[in-house]
Amino acid sequence: MKNYWERKERWCMAYRSAEMCGHSTNNYTETAVRLYKDIVLSRCKAYNITASVDFTTTTMEKYYCHRLLKFAHSRVSTLHLLMKKQLTKSSYLSFMDIIQVSPAQFFVPSEKDATILYEVDTKVGACSCTSGKYGRFCKHEAAIYRLFNTTLPNAPALLPQDRSKVAYIALGKDAKDHSFYEDLVPMTVRKNECQSGSQNLDVISPTKTHASTSILPEKYKDSTNEVLDINSNIVVGETKQSTNPSTISQAFEELKILHDKFGTSQSGIDSLLKRAKTIKNKGQWESFVHGVHIHRYKSGASIHTQPTSRARRRAGVTKGSKRLAVGRPAQGDTKCRKRRRKLQQNISKNLPNAKGH
């Protein structure tokens, strides 16, 4: 036990750092072995030592170079989708909601309960929430990235210098110049929504009332007298589109008139409230408003098949429009047996007889 405890950082989750990026298993090793078996060896064991060394130094190297260049040439959309997803989730946060206690330490309120603060450390790329506790990029870190223009080590690599580094790993000295990997459309820096100068950006100033300073942890309350030096090129979320209050009032009055005229069932009210409670960001609210008058089919609606096609299906296969089951059958499913060719037994059991060819 003493020997195990000396290397507790390798097996105890409480002592693991954020460099694991949320992976608490041997995912990287299993992925590398799977790629070697599938890509290099083609799931075949009939290779001697000489062929294995040759394939490892040629086929495997070409495969990894191809994958690295695919990322360097911006042909991998996974990271862009991840960043877009987290930025959408962080849209409920504004610049004034976040508390900055040091250049690399922030406190971000929870979406469900504003009294709960999550600590974000931009140096190691970790957040105290459940998702970002072990280094995974979460929505709280995305809010810091969006509002404070701060880079995080665990953020998706989307910058041109990241693509240039990956290309250098794949090609070495044959890699193109850094300008080759620049974006075709330069990223536009959004204007600061405060627009009142850097003197008003003291996030934790004693003369400034902040929405979350009262719930700041005790060990950080002494540092609220210090004015933080924040860069002037802060990227802040886009301002919300202004809406005429009279239009909203008119819409609610119209709904009230229709309710008084025709009445509303309790099930309809419950369904409307259930949908309204699921709204968490601006995009969901816009979809809810624009989709009130649209009849939506239930999720998973399928295309029907032709009657003649269903008639030709073998016994035991669904006659509806669902996908045909493939692969290993589920547990408990009985295999459909063929009809017996014994005429006497089939007549006595009143079953159709199989025709022999």
Foldseek 3Di string as FASTA:
>chain_A
DVVCVVPVCLQPPVNDALVCQPDNDPVVVVVVVVCCCCFQVVVDDPDDPVSSVVSCVPRVLVVLLVVLLCVLQVVDCPQVVVLVVLQQLLQVDFLLLKADLAPFWIWHADLVDRLDTWIAGQARQAIRDPNRHNNHHHSVVSQCCQFQVGHHPSRRPDALVVSQVSNCVSPPPPGDDSVVSHDPDDDDADADPVPPDQVPSQNQDPVDDGPHLVSDDPVRVVSSNDGDRGDPSTGTDDDDDDDDPVVVVVVVVVVVVVCVVPNDDPVVVVVVVVQVVPDRGDVSVVCCVVCPPPDDDDPPDFDWDDQVVLVPDDPPFDSTRDDTDDDDDDPPDDDDDDFAQDPVVCVVVVHDHDDDD
